[in-house]
Amino acid sequence: MIHQTWTNAPTIRMVKCVHTDAKKYIVNRALTAGKEYPLKNETDEFYFVIDNTGKVGGYYKEYFQG
């Protein structure tokens, strides 16, 4: 249940959102293109960042540069 402590975990690095053109999901409500977000965890396919809602969300790496 490590995901419950990600909000308080140290930031790994900042990643910049480069686009919110999602094919399947609505991403532009939680991410803003051009804004940097604190990266809390990372997998092969996803970044887990604190998004515009103030909570940790998992997003495909294709939305970010970092």
PDB file of N, CA and C in Angstrom:
ATOM      1  N   MET A   1       0.812  -1.177   0.000  1.00  0.00           N
ATOM      2  CA  MET A   1       0.000   0.000   0.000  1.00  0.00           C
ATOM      3  C   MET A   1       0.866   1.255   0.000  1.00  0.00           C
ATOM      4  N   ILE A   2       1.973   1.178  -0.718  1.00  0.00           N
ATOM      5  CA  ILE A   2       2.893   2.302  -0.789  1.00  0.00           C
ATOM      6  C   ILE A   2       2.248   3.530  -1.437  1.00  0.00           C
ATOM      7  N   HIS A   3       1.251   3.319  -2.279  1.00  0.00           N
ATOM      8  CA  HIS A   3       0.597   4.445  -2.953  1.00  0.00           C
ATOM      9  C   HIS A   3      -0.069   5.415  -1.976  1.00  0.00           C
ATOM     10  N   GLN A   4      -0.339   4.979  -0.764  1.00  0.00           N
ATOM     11  CA  GLN A   4      -0.971   5.844   0.218  1.00  0.00           C
ATOM     12  C   GLN A   4      -0.005   6.876   0.798  1.00  0.00           C
ATOM     13  N   THR A   5       1.293   6.663   0.639  1.00  0.00           N
ATOM     14  CA  THR A   5       2.280   7.593   1.182  1.00  0.00           C
ATOM     15  C   THR A   5       2.978   8.415   0.093  1.00  0.00           C
ATOM     16  N   TRP A   6       2.587   8.267  -1.169  1.00  0.00           N
ATOM     17  CA  TRP A   6       3.252   8.979  -2.255  1.00  0.00           C
ATOM     18  C   TRP A   6       3.126  10.491  -2.125  1.00  0.00           C
ATOM     19  N   THR A   7       2.021  10.989  -1.627  1.00  0.00           N
ATOM     20  CA  THR A   7       1.839  12.430  -1.505  1.00  0.00           C
ATOM     21  C   THR A   7       2.902  13.040  -0.603  1.00  0.00           C
ATOM     22  N   ASN A   8       3.262  12.357   0.455  1.00  0.00           N
ATOM     23  CA  ASN A   8       4.253  12.854   1.408  1.00  0.00           C
ATOM     24  C   ASN A   8       5.672  12.424   1.073  1.00  0.00           C
ATOM     25  N   ALA A   9       5.838  11.580   0.080  1.00  0.00           N
ATOM     26  CA  ALA A   9       7.162  11.085  -0.297  1.00  0.00           C
ATOM     27  C   ALA A   9       7.978  12.212  -0.935  1.00  0.00           C
ATOM     28  N   PRO A  10       9.302  12.133  -0.847  1.00  0.00           N
ATOM     29  CA  PRO A  10      10.127  13.154  -1.496  1.00  0.00           C
ATOM     30  C   PRO A  10       9.943  13.111  -3.018  1.00  0.00           C
ATOM     31  N   THR A  11      10.015  14.267  -3.625  1.00  0.00           N
ATOM     32  CA  THR A  11       9.879  14.375  -5.075  1.00  0.00           C
ATOM     33  C   THR A  11      11.136  13.835  -5.738  1.00  0.00           C
ATOM     34  N   ILE A  12      10.962  12.953  -6.717  1.00  0.00           N
ATOM     35  CA  ILE A  12      12.102  12.377  -7.444  1.00  0.00           C
ATOM     36  C   ILE A  12      12.718  13.442  -8.344  1.00  0.00           C
ATOM     37  N   ARG A  13      11.873  14.107  -9.131  1.00  0.00           N
ATOM     38  CA  ARG A  13      12.280  15.222  -9.989  1.00  0.00           C
ATOM     39  C   ARG A  13      11.011  15.877 -10.531  1.00  0.00           C
ATOM     40  N   MET A  14      11.167  16.973 -11.215  1.00  0.00           N
ATOM     41  CA  MET A  14      10.038  17.653 -11.836  1.00  0.00           C
ATOM     42  C   MET A  14       9.947  17.200 -13.293  1.00  0.00           C
ATOM     43  N   VAL A  15       8.739  16.955 -13.776  1.00  0.00           N
ATOM     44  CA  VAL A  15       8.519  16.595 -15.174  1.00  0.00           C
ATOM     45  C   VAL A  15       7.549  17.602 -15.784  1.00  0.00           C
ATOM     46  N   LYS A  16       7.781  17.944 -17.029  1.00  0.00           N
ATOM     47  CA  LYS A  16       6.974  18.953 -17.708  1.00  0.00           C
ATOM     48  C   LYS A  16       5.950  18.276 -18.614  1.00  0.00           C
ATOM     49  N   CYS A  17       4.703  18.697 -18.496  1.00  0.00           N
ATOM     50  CA  CYS A  17       3.637  18.185 -19.351  1.00  0.00           C
ATOM     51  C   CYS A  17       3.763  18.860 -20.718  1.00  0.00           C
ATOM     52  N   VAL A  18       3.888  18.077 -21.773  1.00  0.00           N
ATOM     53  CA  VAL A  18       4.067  18.649 -23.108  1.00  0.00           C
ATOM     54  C   VAL A  18       2.770  18.695 -23.911  1.00  0.00           C
ATOM     55  N   HIS A  19       1.802  17.827 -23.592  1.00  0.00           N
ATOM     56  CA  HIS A  19       0.507  17.879 -24.263  1.00  0.00           C
ATOM     57  C   HIS A  19      -0.534  17.134 -23.448  1.00  0.00           C
ATOM     58  N   THR A  20      -1.795  17.405 -23.744  1.00  0.00           N
ATOM     59  CA  THR A  20      -2.901  16.709 -23.078  1.00  0.00           C
ATOM     60  C   THR A  20      -3.845  16.106 -24.114  1.00  0.00           C
ATOM     61  N   ASP A  21      -3.314  15.764 -25.279  1.00  0.00           N
ATOM     62  CA  ASP A  21      -4.107  15.184 -26.360  1.00  0.00           C
ATOM     63  C   ASP A  21      -4.233  13.676 -26.155  1.00  0.00           C
ATOM     64  N   ALA A  22      -5.144  13.289 -25.295  1.00  0.00           N
ATOM     65  CA  ALA A  22      -5.334  11.876 -24.978  1.00  0.00           C
ATOM     66  C   ALA A  22      -6.267  11.236 -25.998  1.00  0.00           C
ATOM     67  N   LYS A  23      -5.962  10.025 -26.381  1.00  0.00           N
ATOM     68  CA  LYS A  23      -6.791   9.302 -27.343  1.00  0.00           C
ATOM     69  C   LYS A  23      -8.003   8.663 -26.673  1.00  0.00           C
ATOM     70  N   LYS A  24      -7.833   8.219 -25.440  1.00  0.00           N
ATOM     71  CA  LYS A  24      -8.861   7.419 -24.798  1.00  0.00           C
ATOM     72  C   LYS A  24      -9.451   8.064 -23.545  1.00  0.00           C
ATOM     73  N   TYR A  25      -8.668   8.854 -22.841  1.00  0.00           N
ATOM     74  CA  TYR A  25      -9.090   9.406 -21.555  1.00  0.00           C
ATOM     75  C   TYR A  25      -9.105  10.925 -21.596  1.00  0.00           C
ATOM     76  N   ILE A  26      -9.817  11.555 -20.688  1.00  0.00           N
ATOM     77  CA  ILE A  26      -9.815  13.009 -20.557  1.00  0.00           C
ATOM     78  C   ILE A  26      -8.700  13.377 -19.582  1.00  0.00           C
ATOM     79  N   VAL A  27      -7.669  14.002 -20.095  1.00  0.00           N
ATOM     80  CA  VAL A  27      -6.499  14.322 -19.292  1.00  0.00           C
ATOM     81  C   VAL A  27      -6.420  15.822 -19.003  1.00  0.00           C
ATOM     82  N   ASN A  28      -7.021  16.647 -19.860  1.00  0.00           N
ATOM     83  CA  ASN A  28      -6.851  18.096 -19.717  1.00  0.00           C
ATOM     84  C   ASN A  28      -7.543  18.677 -18.492  1.00  0.00           C
ATOM     85  N   ARG A  29      -8.325  17.908 -17.791  1.00  0.00           N
ATOM     86  CA  ARG A  29      -8.915  18.377 -16.532  1.00  0.00           C
ATOM     87  C   ARG A  29      -7.938  18.284 -15.375  1.00  0.00           C
ATOM     88  N   ALA A  30      -6.955  17.400 -15.487  1.00  0.00           N
ATOM     89  CA  ALA A  30      -6.012  17.181 -14.393  1.00  0.00           C
ATOM     90  C   ALA A  30      -4.594  17.646 -14.710  1.00  0.00           C
ATOM     91  N   LEU A  31      -4.274  17.826 -15.995  1.00  0.00           N
ATOM     92  CA  LEU A  31      -2.947  18.273 -16.397  1.00  0.00           C
ATOM     93  C   LEU A  31      -3.070  19.513 -17.275  1.00  0.00           C
ATOM     94  N   THR A  32      -2.045  20.355 -17.231  1.00  0.00           N
ATOM     95  CA  THR A  32      -1.983  21.546 -18.065  1.00  0.00           C
ATOM     96  C   THR A  32      -0.703  21.487 -18.873  1.00  0.00           C
ATOM     97  N   ALA A  33      -0.825  21.592 -20.188  1.00  0.00           N
ATOM     98  CA  ALA A  33       0.359  21.573 -21.050  1.00  0.00           C
ATOM     99  C   ALA A  33       1.256  22.756 -20.715  1.00  0.00           C
ATOM    100  N   GLY A  34       2.555  22.498 -20.590  1.00  0.00           N
ATOM    101  CA  GLY A  34       3.530  23.529 -20.277  1.00  0.00           C
ATOM    102  C   GLY A  34       3.834  23.668 -18.792  1.00  0.00           C
ATOM    103  N   LYS A  35       3.073  23.028 -17.943  1.00  0.00           N
ATOM    104  CA  LYS A  35       3.281  23.113 -16.500  1.00  0.00           C
ATOM    105  C   LYS A  35       4.163  21.958 -16.021  1.00  0.00           C
ATOM    106  N   GLU A  36       4.961  22.218 -14.994  1.00  0.00           N
ATOM    107  CA  GLU A  36       5.800  21.178 -14.408  1.00  0.00           C
ATOM    108  C   GLU A  36       5.109  20.574 -13.194  1.00  0.00           C
ATOM    109  N   TYR A  37       5.270  19.273 -13.039  1.00  0.00           N
ATOM    110  CA  TYR A  37       4.635  18.533 -11.947  1.00  0.00           C
ATOM    111  C   TYR A  37       5.681  17.741 -11.180  1.00  0.00           C
ATOM    112  N   PRO A  38       5.511  17.614  -9.850  1.00  0.00           N
ATOM    113  CA  PRO A  38       6.450  16.812  -9.054  1.00  0.00           C
ATOM    114  C   PRO A  38       6.209  15.317  -9.263  1.00  0.00           C
ATOM    115  N   LEU A  39       7.251  14.621  -9.652  1.00  0.00           N
ATOM    116  CA  LEU A  39       7.189  13.177  -9.884  1.00  0.00           C
ATOM    117  C   LEU A  39       7.375  12.454  -8.560  1.00  0.00           C
ATOM    118  N   LYS A  40       6.410  11.615  -8.205  1.00  0.00           N
ATOM    119  CA  LYS A  40       6.459  10.890  -6.940  1.00  0.00           C
ATOM    120  C   LYS A  40       6.844   9.425  -7.105  1.00  0.00           C
ATOM    121  N   ASN A  41       6.504   8.836  -8.243  1.00  0.00           N
ATOM    122  CA  ASN A  41       6.868   7.438  -8.511  1.00  0.00           C
ATOM    123  C   ASN A  41       6.846   7.238 -10.013  1.00  0.00           C
ATOM    124  N   GLU A  42       7.511   6.178 -10.469  1.00  0.00           N
ATOM    125  CA  GLU A  42       7.649   5.926 -11.900  1.00  0.00           C
ATOM    126  C   GLU A  42       7.666   4.427 -12.159  1.00  0.00           C
ATOM    127  N   THR A  43       6.992   4.011 -13.228  1.00  0.00           N
ATOM    128  CA  THR A  43       7.082   2.635 -13.704  1.00  0.00           C
ATOM    129  C   THR A  43       7.555   2.680 -15.148  1.00  0.00           C
ATOM    130  N   ASP A  44       7.602   1.545 -15.803  1.00  0.00           N
ATOM    131  CA  ASP A  44       8.028   1.505 -17.202  1.00  0.00           C
ATOM    132  C   ASP A  44       7.095   2.306 -18.107  1.00  0.00           C
ATOM    133  N   GLU A  45       5.824   2.374 -17.754  1.00  0.00           N
ATOM    134  CA  GLU A  45       4.817   2.974 -18.625  1.00  0.00           C
ATOM    135  C   GLU A  45       4.197   4.272 -18.080  1.00  0.00           C
ATOM    136  N   PHE A  46       4.250   4.460 -16.764  1.00  0.00           N
ATOM    137  CA  PHE A  46       3.532   5.575 -16.145  1.00  0.00           C
ATOM    138  C   PHE A  46       4.424   6.456 -15.287  1.00  0.00           C
ATOM    139  N   TYR A  47       4.034   7.735 -15.185  1.00  0.00           N
ATOM    140  CA  TYR A  47       4.533   8.653 -14.177  1.00  0.00           C
ATOM    141  C   TYR A  47       3.409   8.883 -13.186  1.00  0.00           C
ATOM    142  N   PHE A  48       3.724   8.922 -11.916  1.00  0.00           N
ATOM    143  CA  PHE A  48       2.757   9.247 -10.875  1.00  0.00           C
ATOM    144  C   PHE A  48       3.135  10.617 -10.334  1.00  0.00           C
ATOM    145  N   VAL A  49       2.304  11.609 -10.628  1.00  0.00           N
ATOM    146  CA  VAL A  49       2.590  12.999 -10.276  1.00  0.00           C
ATOM    147  C   VAL A  49       1.441  13.573  -9.458  1.00  0.00           C
ATOM    148  N   ILE A  50       1.726  14.661  -8.752  1.00  0.00           N
ATOM    149  CA  ILE A  50       0.652  15.405  -8.097  1.00  0.00           C
ATOM    150  C   ILE A  50       0.086  16.347  -9.153  1.00  0.00           C
ATOM    151  N   ASP A  51      -1.135  16.083  -9.586  1.00  0.00           N
ATOM    152  CA  ASP A  51      -1.735  16.826 -10.690  1.00  0.00           C
ATOM    153  C   ASP A  51      -2.490  18.061 -10.200  1.00  0.00           C
ATOM    154  N   ASN A  52      -3.278  18.667 -11.064  1.00  0.00           N
ATOM    155  CA  ASN A  52      -3.992  19.909 -10.732  1.00  0.00           C
ATOM    156  C   ASN A  52      -5.052  19.713  -9.651  1.00  0.00           C
ATOM    157  N   THR A  53      -5.448  18.488  -9.379  1.00  0.00           N
ATOM    158  CA  THR A  53      -6.436  18.231  -8.332  1.00  0.00           C
ATOM    159  C   THR A  53      -5.797  18.210  -6.942  1.00  0.00           C
ATOM    160  N   GLY A  54      -4.454  18.169  -6.896  1.00  0.00           N
ATOM    161  CA  GLY A  54      -3.746  18.106  -5.629  1.00  0.00           C
ATOM    162  C   GLY A  54      -3.528  16.690  -5.138  1.00  0.00           C
ATOM    163  N   LYS A  55      -3.932  15.715  -5.936  1.00  0.00           N
ATOM    164  CA  LYS A  55      -3.757  14.304  -5.579  1.00  0.00           C
ATOM    165  C   LYS A  55      -2.783  13.645  -6.542  1.00  0.00           C
ATOM    166  N   VAL A  56      -2.284  12.481  -6.166  1.00  0.00           N
ATOM    167  CA  VAL A  56      -1.379  11.732  -7.028  1.00  0.00           C
ATOM    168  C   VAL A  56      -2.200  11.013  -8.087  1.00  0.00           C
ATOM    169  N   GLY A  57      -1.809  11.205  -9.341  1.00  0.00           N
ATOM    170  CA  GLY A  57      -2.457  10.521 -10.458  1.00  0.00           C
ATOM    171  C   GLY A  57      -1.413   9.860 -11.317  1.00  0.00           C
ATOM    172  N   GLY A  58      -1.777   8.745 -11.938  1.00  0.00           N
ATOM    173  CA  GLY A  58      -0.875   8.023 -12.828  1.00  0.00           C
ATOM    174  C   GLY A  58      -1.205   8.337 -14.275  1.00  0.00           C
ATOM    175  N   TYR A  59      -0.197   8.759 -15.036  1.00  0.00           N
ATOM    176  CA  TYR A  59      -0.390   9.160 -16.427  1.00  0.00           C
ATOM    177  C   TYR A  59       0.682   8.527 -17.298  1.00  0.00           C
ATOM    178  N   TYR A  60       0.310   8.232 -18.547  1.00  0.00           N
ATOM    179  CA  TYR A  60       1.290   7.696 -19.489  1.00  0.00           C
ATOM    180  C   TYR A  60       2.455   8.669 -19.633  1.00  0.00           C
ATOM    181  N   LYS A  61       3.644   8.133 -19.824  1.00  0.00           N
ATOM    182  CA  LYS A  61       4.840   8.953 -19.957  1.00  0.00           C
ATOM    183  C   LYS A  61       4.806   9.828 -21.205  1.00  0.00           C
ATOM    184  N   GLU A  62       3.988   9.484 -22.188  1.00  0.00           N
ATOM    185  CA  GLU A  62       3.928  10.234 -23.439  1.00  0.00           C
ATOM    186  C   GLU A  62       3.450  11.677 -23.249  1.00  0.00           C
ATOM    187  N   TYR A  63       2.820  11.980 -22.126  1.00  0.00           N
ATOM    188  CA  TYR A  63       2.340  13.336 -21.862  1.00  0.00           C
ATOM    189  C   TYR A  63       3.433  14.249 -21.314  1.00  0.00           C
ATOM    190  N   PHE A  64       4.586  13.680 -20.972  1.00  0.00           N
ATOM    191  CA  PHE A  64       5.603  14.422 -20.246  1.00  0.00           C
ATOM    192  C   PHE A  64       6.953  14.421 -20.949  1.00  0.00           C
ATOM    193  N   GLN A  65       7.740  15.408 -20.593  1.00  0.00           N
ATOM    194  CA  GLN A  65       9.137  15.496 -20.985  1.00  0.00           C
ATOM    195  C   GLN A  65       9.913  15.590 -19.684  1.00  0.00           C
ATOM    196  N   GLY A  66      10.865  14.735 -19.514  1.00  0.00           N
ATOM    197  CA  GLY A  66      11.481  14.887 -18.249  1.00  0.00           C
ATOM    198  C   GLY A  66      12.607  14.048 -17.914  1.00  0.00           C
TER     199      GLY A  66
END
